Amino acid sequence: MSVRNGIWKGLLALLALYSFMFKCDINCTKMVLGLGNWGKSDPISAVRVPLSSAIHSGLLGKHVKNSFASKLSKNLQLSSSKMGTKFSAKSAILFHVILLVLVFKTKAGSIVVYWGQDGREGTLTSTCASRKYDIVNIAFLSIFGNGRKPQINLAGHCDPSSNGCQKVSNDIRNCQNQGIKVMLSIGGGTSGYTLTSDAEARGVAEYLWNNFLGGRSNSRPLGDAVLNGIDFDIEGGKLHYVALATRLSELSRGGRKVYLTAAPQCPFPDDWLDDALATGLFDYVYIQFYNNRPCEFNANNPKKFKDSWSQWTSSVPAQKFFVGLPASQQAAGSGYVGTDLLKSQVLPFVKGSSKYGGVMLWNKYHDDRNGYSSQIRSSV
């Protein structure tokens, strides 16, 4: 069990202990959660003060502020004549437990990993069963555009030309059943892809929709499992990625959420994805702080990394940003950050952003060899 999961379960156990100690039944709990009918006397200051502080400091996050916290701030009032001071104290205790749970939940970061480019990294099912990762990007669909039929390349895992990669469908579902998002990453560090026009970009989007997402096709390369979205790891070729992202977004309207993510190089703006990222259609951005010395983290000169992070998070209208790193020194030419440095210098800085999302690692094989994610998970 990860440290984060252990703390989460511990907080839930504390909530259960409260109910046992004070014999708070379901109606009592509903009232504390703001689901019952409260009286209209003065609110409990012990509850109101930390709630107000948490809301204004941004600890609860946008979603919680707009729903749960606002409901509590409006409804968490007790009539002392009806309920008594004992229940007031109980409510304050329970609220603080819930507040702690919400703050912990909303501030926790995620670990993203790329899987698919080394047959020695194990199956996708075993990758997710390790419980180290929250998002797995299947790498790569590395051929598309310029009139060619799109094609995936999963290195030593399977042969797509003989439909051998359709077996991955069960692995995808195994991951998703554990709450792990599984994405298809397009592009990569090869020269096999380009888009010659907006029309071709829209055609590639429809191919992705029908063969990997919520559409229909008789020849889905990864079987009938429906992936959670598309990751843009674009490192070459011509542009037209605005049209690709826009069409994917259009196709997913009214149905199951399709996540769009991107993995640009850290020099800002990115040579290939700048216009696409400016559309505001992307949910997560995994900034590659490796193989790019001008913006990589360097303990002797951390300013260049900090400036790059700040520019990305303040300029691109995405929901969350991730620090992209190699999982070992062998995984990239430069940019490796030791786990102690990451925990003591990098994470404390990037967590200062309300758009902090976590850490992205290249790749699963190197993470296996180095144990990087296991060493940082409790801090991410």
Protein backbone atom coordinates (compact mmCIF):
# COMPACT_ATOMS: atom_id res chain seq x y z
CA MET A 1 0.00 0.00 0.00
CA SER A 2 1.32 3.46 -0.85
CA VAL A 3 1.82 6.00 1.91
CA ARG A 4 -0.87 8.22 0.39
CA ASN A 5 -3.40 5.39 0.33
CA GLY A 6 -2.47 4.51 3.90
CA ILE A 7 -3.08 8.06 5.13
CA TRP A 8 -6.35 8.25 3.24
CA LYS A 9 -7.59 5.03 4.83
CA GLY A 10 -6.41 6.28 8.21
CA LEU A 11 -8.49 9.43 7.86
CA LEU A 12 -11.55 7.40 6.95
CA ALA A 13 -10.93 5.21 10.00
CA LEU A 14 -10.79 8.35 12.14
CA LEU A 15 -14.15 9.40 10.74
CA ALA A 16 -15.58 5.99 11.62
CA LEU A 17 -14.11 6.22 15.12
CA TYR A 18 -15.84 9.57 15.62
CA SER A 19 -19.20 8.05 14.72
CA PHE A 20 -18.63 5.17 17.14
CA MET A 21 -17.49 7.33 20.06
CA PHE A 22 -20.34 9.83 19.78
CA LYS A 23 -22.97 7.42 18.48
CA CYS A 24 -23.58 9.68 15.51
CA ASP A 25 -26.15 7.91 13.32
CA ILE A 26 -26.71 8.45 9.59
CA ASN A 27 -29.02 11.43 10.15
CA CYS A 28 -26.42 13.07 12.39
CA THR A 29 -23.72 12.52 9.79
CA LYS A 30 -25.94 13.93 7.06
CA MET A 31 -26.50 17.06 9.10
CA VAL A 32 -22.77 17.53 9.67
CA LEU A 33 -22.22 17.17 5.94
CA GLY A 34 -24.80 19.86 5.26
CA LEU A 35 -27.33 17.41 3.82
CA GLY A 36 -29.93 17.80 6.55
CA ASN A 37 -31.96 20.78 7.70
CA TRP A 38 -30.00 23.01 10.04
CA GLY A 39 -31.39 25.64 12.34
CA LYS A 40 -30.83 29.30 11.54
CA SER A 41 -28.99 30.50 14.61
CA ASP A 42 -25.37 31.71 14.76
CA PRO A 43 -22.83 29.38 13.12
CA ILE A 44 -20.25 27.62 15.25
CA SER A 45 -17.17 29.77 15.26
CA ALA A 46 -14.92 26.74 15.69
CA VAL A 47 -16.18 25.49 12.33
CA ARG A 48 -16.63 28.75 10.51
CA VAL A 49 -13.12 30.08 11.13
CA PRO A 50 -11.08 27.17 9.72
CA LEU A 51 -13.53 26.80 6.84
CA SER A 52 -13.21 30.46 5.91
CA SER A 53 -9.43 30.27 6.21
CA ALA A 54 -9.25 27.17 4.03
CA ILE A 55 -11.47 28.66 1.36
CA HIS A 56 -9.61 31.95 1.10
CA SER A 57 -6.18 30.31 1.17
CA GLY A 58 -7.12 28.06 -1.75
CA LEU A 59 -6.43 24.84 0.16
CA LEU A 60 -9.70 23.21 -0.80
CA GLY A 61 -9.36 23.67 -4.55
CA LYS A 62 -11.83 25.09 -7.03
CA HIS A 63 -14.26 22.16 -7.15
CA VAL A 64 -14.50 21.84 -3.39
CA LYS A 65 -14.87 25.59 -2.91
CA ASN A 66 -17.73 25.70 -5.36
CA SER A 67 -19.62 22.73 -3.98
CA PHE A 68 -18.88 21.10 -0.65
CA ALA A 69 -17.26 24.04 1.11
CA SER A 70 -19.87 26.53 -0.03
CA LYS A 71 -22.62 24.20 1.15
CA LEU A 72 -20.97 23.85 4.52
CA SER A 73 -20.42 27.58 4.92
CA LYS A 74 -24.11 28.22 4.24
CA ASN A 75 -25.67 25.26 6.03
CA LEU A 76 -23.36 24.42 8.92
CA GLN A 77 -25.42 26.26 11.57
CA LEU A 78 -26.76 24.77 14.76
CA SER A 79 -29.58 25.76 17.03
CA SER A 80 -28.05 25.43 20.50
CA SER A 81 -31.50 25.32 22.08
CA LYS A 82 -32.44 22.30 19.97
CA MET A 83 -29.18 20.44 19.54
CA GLY A 84 -27.14 21.45 22.59
CA THR A 85 -23.47 22.22 23.03
CA LYS A 86 -22.46 18.55 23.00
CA PHE A 87 -23.60 18.12 19.41
CA SER A 88 -21.95 21.43 18.51
CA ALA A 89 -18.63 20.10 19.72
CA LYS A 90 -19.18 16.83 17.91
CA SER A 91 -19.95 18.66 14.69
CA ALA A 92 -16.83 20.77 14.99
CA ILE A 93 -14.70 17.66 15.49
CA LEU A 94 -16.21 15.89 12.52
CA PHE A 95 -15.86 18.96 10.34
CA HIS A 96 -12.14 19.20 11.08
CA VAL A 97 -11.73 15.54 10.13
CA ILE A 98 -13.58 16.10 6.86
CA LEU A 99 -11.61 19.27 6.16
CA LEU A 100 -8.35 17.39 6.67
CA VAL A 101 -9.50 14.68 4.28
CA LEU A 102 -10.48 17.20 1.62
CA VAL A 103 -7.28 19.19 1.88
CA PHE A 104 -5.19 16.02 1.69
CA LYS A 105 -7.17 14.72 -1.25
CA THR A 106 -7.09 17.89 -3.32
CA LYS A 107 -3.40 18.67 -2.76
CA ALA A 108 -2.11 15.19 -3.57
CA GLY A 109 -0.18 14.98 -6.83
CA SER A 110 -0.18 12.16 -9.37
CA ILE A 111 2.56 10.14 -11.02
CA VAL A 112 2.34 9.61 -14.77
CA VAL A 113 4.45 7.04 -16.61
CA TYR A 114 5.03 6.10 -20.25
CA TRP A 115 4.69 2.40 -21.00
CA GLY A 116 5.15 0.51 -24.26
CA GLN A 117 8.67 1.13 -25.55
CA ASP A 118 10.53 -1.72 -23.88
CA GLY A 119 9.44 -5.34 -23.76
CA ARG A 120 11.32 -5.82 -20.47
CA GLU A 121 9.04 -3.47 -18.54
CA GLY A 122 6.28 -6.03 -17.92
CA THR A 123 2.64 -5.97 -18.96
CA LEU A 124 0.28 -3.07 -18.66
CA THR A 125 -1.68 -5.04 -16.07
CA SER A 126 1.39 -5.50 -13.87
CA THR A 127 2.25 -1.82 -14.33
CA CYS A 128 -1.10 -0.77 -12.88
CA ALA A 129 -1.12 -3.51 -10.23
CA SER A 130 2.02 -1.96 -8.75
CA ARG A 131 -0.17 0.97 -7.60
CA LYS A 132 2.69 3.37 -8.31
CA TYR A 133 0.99 5.30 -11.10
CA ASP A 134 -2.21 7.30 -11.55
CA ILE A 135 -1.98 7.73 -15.33
CA VAL A 136 -0.31 5.43 -17.86
CA ASN A 137 0.46 6.68 -21.37
CA ILE A 138 0.70 3.91 -23.96
CA ALA A 139 3.58 4.85 -26.25
CA PHE A 140 3.33 5.35 -29.18
CA LEU A 141 1.13 5.79 -32.19
CA SER A 142 4.21 6.86 -34.09
CA ILE A 143 3.05 6.82 -37.71
CA PHE A 144 0.29 9.12 -38.97
CA GLY A 145 -0.30 11.85 -41.51
CA ASN A 146 1.18 12.52 -44.94
CA GLY A 147 -1.36 10.12 -46.43
CA ARG A 148 -0.25 7.13 -44.34
CA LYS A 149 -2.49 4.87 -42.27
CA PRO A 150 -1.87 5.51 -38.56
CA GLN A 151 0.08 2.74 -36.83
CA ILE A 152 1.04 1.97 -33.25
CA ASN A 153 4.45 0.69 -32.20
CA LEU A 154 4.67 -1.03 -28.81
CA ALA A 155 8.26 -2.23 -29.27
CA GLY A 156 8.63 -5.80 -27.99
CA HIS A 157 5.16 -6.10 -26.46
CA CYS A 158 3.12 -7.12 -29.51
CA ASP A 159 2.86 -6.99 -33.30
CA PRO A 160 0.05 -4.68 -34.48
CA SER A 161 0.30 -5.90 -38.08
CA SER A 162 -1.16 -9.27 -37.03
CA ASN A 163 -3.65 -7.76 -34.56
CA GLY A 164 -1.40 -9.02 -31.79
CA CYS A 165 -1.87 -5.85 -29.74
CA GLN A 166 -5.60 -6.39 -29.30
CA LYS A 167 -4.74 -8.49 -26.23
CA VAL A 168 -3.83 -5.24 -24.48
CA SER A 169 -7.56 -4.50 -24.26
CA ASN A 170 -7.96 -6.58 -21.10
CA ASP A 171 -4.95 -4.86 -19.55
CA ILE A 172 -6.50 -1.46 -20.24
CA ARG A 173 -9.72 -2.47 -18.50
CA ASN A 174 -7.78 -3.91 -15.57
CA CYS A 175 -6.10 -0.54 -15.10
CA GLN A 176 -9.28 1.47 -15.46
CA ASN A 177 -11.06 -0.76 -12.95
CA GLN A 178 -8.45 0.40 -10.43
CA GLY A 179 -9.17 4.06 -11.18
CA ILE A 180 -6.06 4.51 -13.34
CA LYS A 181 -6.40 6.53 -16.55
CA VAL A 182 -4.90 4.94 -19.66
CA MET A 183 -4.06 7.22 -22.57
CA LEU A 184 -2.67 6.70 -26.06
CA SER A 185 0.39 8.84 -26.73
CA ILE A 186 0.87 9.95 -30.32
CA GLY A 187 4.16 11.07 -31.81
CA GLY A 188 7.40 10.42 -29.92
CA GLY A 189 10.99 11.01 -30.90
CA THR A 190 10.72 9.60 -34.43
CA SER A 191 10.21 11.09 -37.88
CA GLY A 192 7.26 8.93 -38.86
CA TYR A 193 4.52 11.50 -38.39
CA THR A 194 3.43 14.85 -39.78
CA LEU A 195 0.21 16.61 -40.68
CA THR A 196 0.02 18.24 -44.08
CA SER A 197 -3.27 20.11 -43.64
CA ASP A 198 -6.10 20.84 -41.22
CA ALA A 199 -8.28 18.43 -43.21
CA GLU A 200 -5.77 15.61 -42.69
CA ALA A 201 -5.55 16.50 -39.00
CA ARG A 202 -9.31 16.15 -38.65
CA GLY A 203 -9.12 12.79 -40.42
CA VAL A 204 -6.50 11.56 -37.96
CA ALA A 205 -8.72 12.73 -35.10
CA GLU A 206 -11.61 10.70 -36.45
CA TYR A 207 -9.34 7.67 -36.81
CA LEU A 208 -8.27 8.02 -33.17
CA TRP A 209 -11.88 8.41 -32.07
CA ASN A 210 -13.11 5.35 -33.96
CA ASN A 211 -10.17 3.07 -33.21
CA PHE A 212 -9.16 3.95 -29.63
CA LEU A 213 -11.90 6.07 -28.06
CA GLY A 214 -15.70 6.10 -28.13
CA GLY A 215 -16.26 5.48 -31.83
CA ARG A 216 -16.60 2.23 -33.73
CA SER A 217 -14.30 0.31 -36.02
CA ASN A 218 -13.88 -3.30 -37.11
CA SER A 219 -10.12 -3.16 -36.67
CA ARG A 220 -9.32 -1.48 -33.35
CA PRO A 221 -5.56 -2.00 -32.81
CA LEU A 222 -5.84 -2.30 -29.01
CA GLY A 223 -9.13 -4.16 -29.02
CA ASP A 224 -12.51 -2.94 -27.83
CA ALA A 225 -11.36 -1.19 -24.67
CA VAL A 226 -12.05 2.56 -24.66
CA LEU A 227 -9.05 4.64 -23.67
CA ASN A 228 -9.37 7.71 -21.44
CA GLY A 229 -7.81 10.11 -23.93
CA ILE A 230 -4.96 11.14 -26.20
CA ASP A 231 -1.52 12.42 -25.23
CA PHE A 232 0.34 14.68 -27.70
CA ASP A 233 4.07 13.92 -27.50
CA ILE A 234 4.92 15.89 -30.61
CA GLU A 235 8.61 16.41 -31.31
CA GLY A 236 8.69 17.07 -35.04
CA GLY A 237 6.77 17.27 -38.29
CA LYS A 238 4.51 20.03 -39.55
CA LEU A 239 1.82 21.74 -37.46
CA HIS A 240 -2.01 21.57 -37.72
CA TYR A 241 -2.37 20.21 -34.17
CA VAL A 242 -4.99 22.84 -33.36
CA ALA A 243 -7.29 21.13 -35.86
CA LEU A 244 -6.49 17.69 -34.42
CA ALA A 245 -7.22 18.71 -30.83
CA THR A 246 -10.33 20.66 -31.79
CA ARG A 247 -11.83 17.75 -33.70
CA LEU A 248 -11.15 15.31 -30.86
CA SER A 249 -12.87 17.69 -28.47
CA GLU A 250 -15.86 18.02 -30.81
CA LEU A 251 -16.24 14.25 -31.15
CA SER A 252 -16.30 13.73 -27.40
CA ARG A 253 -18.96 16.33 -26.61
CA GLY A 254 -22.00 14.94 -24.86
CA GLY A 255 -20.37 11.61 -24.11
CA ARG A 256 -17.69 10.11 -21.95
CA LYS A 257 -14.92 12.55 -21.00
CA VAL A 258 -11.92 12.35 -23.33
CA TYR A 259 -8.78 13.78 -21.77
CA LEU A 260 -6.29 15.67 -23.89
CA THR A 261 -2.75 15.90 -22.58
CA ALA A 262 0.54 17.12 -24.01
CA ALA A 263 4.26 16.62 -23.36
CA PRO A 264 6.03 19.71 -24.72
CA GLN A 265 9.74 20.44 -24.35
CA CYS A 266 10.48 22.89 -21.53
CA PRO A 267 11.78 25.80 -23.70
CA PHE A 268 8.82 28.18 -24.00
CA PRO A 269 6.95 28.37 -26.28
CA ASP A 270 7.01 24.85 -27.68
CA ASP A 271 7.94 24.65 -31.35
CA TRP A 272 5.11 22.30 -32.33
CA LEU A 273 2.32 22.57 -29.77
CA ASP A 274 2.22 26.25 -28.84
CA ASP A 275 -0.90 27.10 -30.84
CA ALA A 276 -2.70 23.90 -29.80
CA LEU A 277 -1.99 24.49 -26.12
CA ALA A 278 -3.32 28.04 -26.42
CA THR A 279 -6.79 26.68 -27.30
CA GLY A 280 -7.47 25.73 -23.68
CA LEU A 281 -8.55 22.23 -24.76
CA PHE A 282 -5.80 20.40 -22.89
CA ASP A 283 -6.37 19.03 -19.40
CA TYR A 284 -2.82 18.14 -18.38
CA VAL A 285 0.60 19.28 -19.57
CA TYR A 286 3.69 17.15 -18.87
CA ILE A 287 6.62 19.52 -19.35
CA GLN A 288 9.77 17.66 -20.44
CA PHE A 289 12.49 19.07 -18.19
CA TYR A 290 15.09 16.78 -19.75
CA ASN A 291 17.28 16.81 -22.87
CA ASN A 292 16.83 20.58 -22.64
CA ARG A 293 19.68 22.07 -20.61
CA PRO A 294 18.47 25.72 -20.74
CA CYS A 295 15.46 24.89 -18.55
CA GLU A 296 16.37 21.68 -16.73
CA PHE A 297 16.72 21.70 -12.95
CA ASN A 298 20.25 22.36 -11.72
CA ALA A 299 20.87 22.60 -7.98
CA ASN A 300 23.61 25.15 -8.59
CA ASN A 301 21.31 27.36 -10.66
CA PRO A 302 17.66 26.49 -9.95
CA LYS A 303 16.39 29.83 -11.27
CA LYS A 304 16.24 28.70 -14.91
CA PHE A 305 14.00 25.78 -13.97
CA LYS A 306 11.82 27.91 -11.71
CA ASP A 307 11.43 30.59 -14.36
CA SER A 308 10.45 27.99 -16.95
CA TRP A 309 7.88 26.36 -14.64
CA SER A 310 6.38 29.72 -13.75
CA GLN A 311 6.14 30.76 -17.38
CA TRP A 312 4.40 27.55 -18.40
CA THR A 313 1.88 27.59 -15.57
CA SER A 314 1.04 31.27 -16.03
CA SER A 315 0.84 31.28 -19.84
CA VAL A 316 -0.91 28.06 -20.89
CA PRO A 317 -4.64 27.60 -20.06
CA ALA A 318 -4.43 23.98 -18.92
CA GLN A 319 -5.84 22.51 -15.70
CA LYS A 320 -2.73 20.82 -14.31
CA PHE A 321 1.01 20.84 -15.01
CA PHE A 322 3.48 18.06 -14.29
CA VAL A 323 7.25 18.03 -13.89
CA GLY A 324 8.49 15.65 -16.60
CA LEU A 325 11.68 13.80 -15.67
CA PRO A 326 13.73 10.75 -16.71
CA ALA A 327 13.25 7.89 -14.27
CA SER A 328 16.98 7.10 -14.29
CA GLN A 329 20.21 8.64 -15.51
CA GLN A 330 20.15 6.25 -18.47
CA ALA A 331 16.65 7.27 -19.55
CA ALA A 332 17.74 10.58 -21.08
CA GLY A 333 20.84 12.46 -22.17
CA SER A 334 20.42 15.07 -19.44
CA GLY A 335 17.93 16.31 -16.88
CA TYR A 336 17.97 13.52 -14.31
CA VAL A 337 17.15 14.80 -10.81
CA GLY A 338 18.01 12.64 -7.82
CA THR A 339 15.09 11.74 -5.57
CA ASP A 340 16.48 13.63 -2.57
CA LEU A 341 16.86 16.80 -4.62
CA LEU A 342 13.40 16.37 -6.08
CA LYS A 343 11.84 16.08 -2.64
CA SER A 344 13.86 18.83 -0.98
CA GLN A 345 14.03 21.47 -3.72
CA VAL A 346 11.86 20.79 -6.76
CA LEU A 347 8.57 19.62 -5.25
CA PRO A 348 8.35 22.29 -2.54
CA PHE A 349 8.63 24.94 -5.26
CA VAL A 350 6.24 23.52 -7.87
CA LYS A 351 3.61 22.72 -5.25
CA GLY A 352 3.31 26.45 -4.72
CA SER A 353 1.32 26.61 -7.94
CA SER A 354 -2.43 25.99 -7.81
CA LYS A 355 -1.97 24.18 -11.14
CA TYR A 356 0.51 21.64 -9.79
CA GLY A 357 -0.46 18.15 -10.95
CA GLY A 358 2.44 15.87 -10.09
CA VAL A 359 5.39 14.18 -11.79
CA MET A 360 5.68 12.52 -15.20
CA LEU A 361 8.33 9.83 -15.68
CA TRP A 362 10.02 8.50 -18.79
CA ASN A 363 9.68 5.55 -18.70
CA LYS A 364 8.35 2.39 -17.01
CA TYR A 365 11.42 0.25 -17.77
CA HIS A 366 13.83 2.78 -16.28
CA ASP A 367 11.55 3.30 -13.29
CA ASP A 368 11.69 -0.46 -12.66
CA ARG A 369 15.49 -0.40 -12.75
CA ASN A 370 15.88 2.66 -10.51
CA GLY A 371 12.83 2.51 -8.26
CA TYR A 372 12.29 6.23 -8.76
CA SER A 373 8.51 6.37 -8.32
CA SER A 374 8.62 4.28 -5.14
CA GLN A 375 11.08 6.73 -3.60
CA ILE A 376 9.07 9.86 -4.40
CA ARG A 377 5.41 8.77 -4.24
CA SER A 378 4.78 9.80 -0.65
CA SER A 379 6.14 13.28 -1.44
CA VAL A 380 4.41 13.86 -4.78
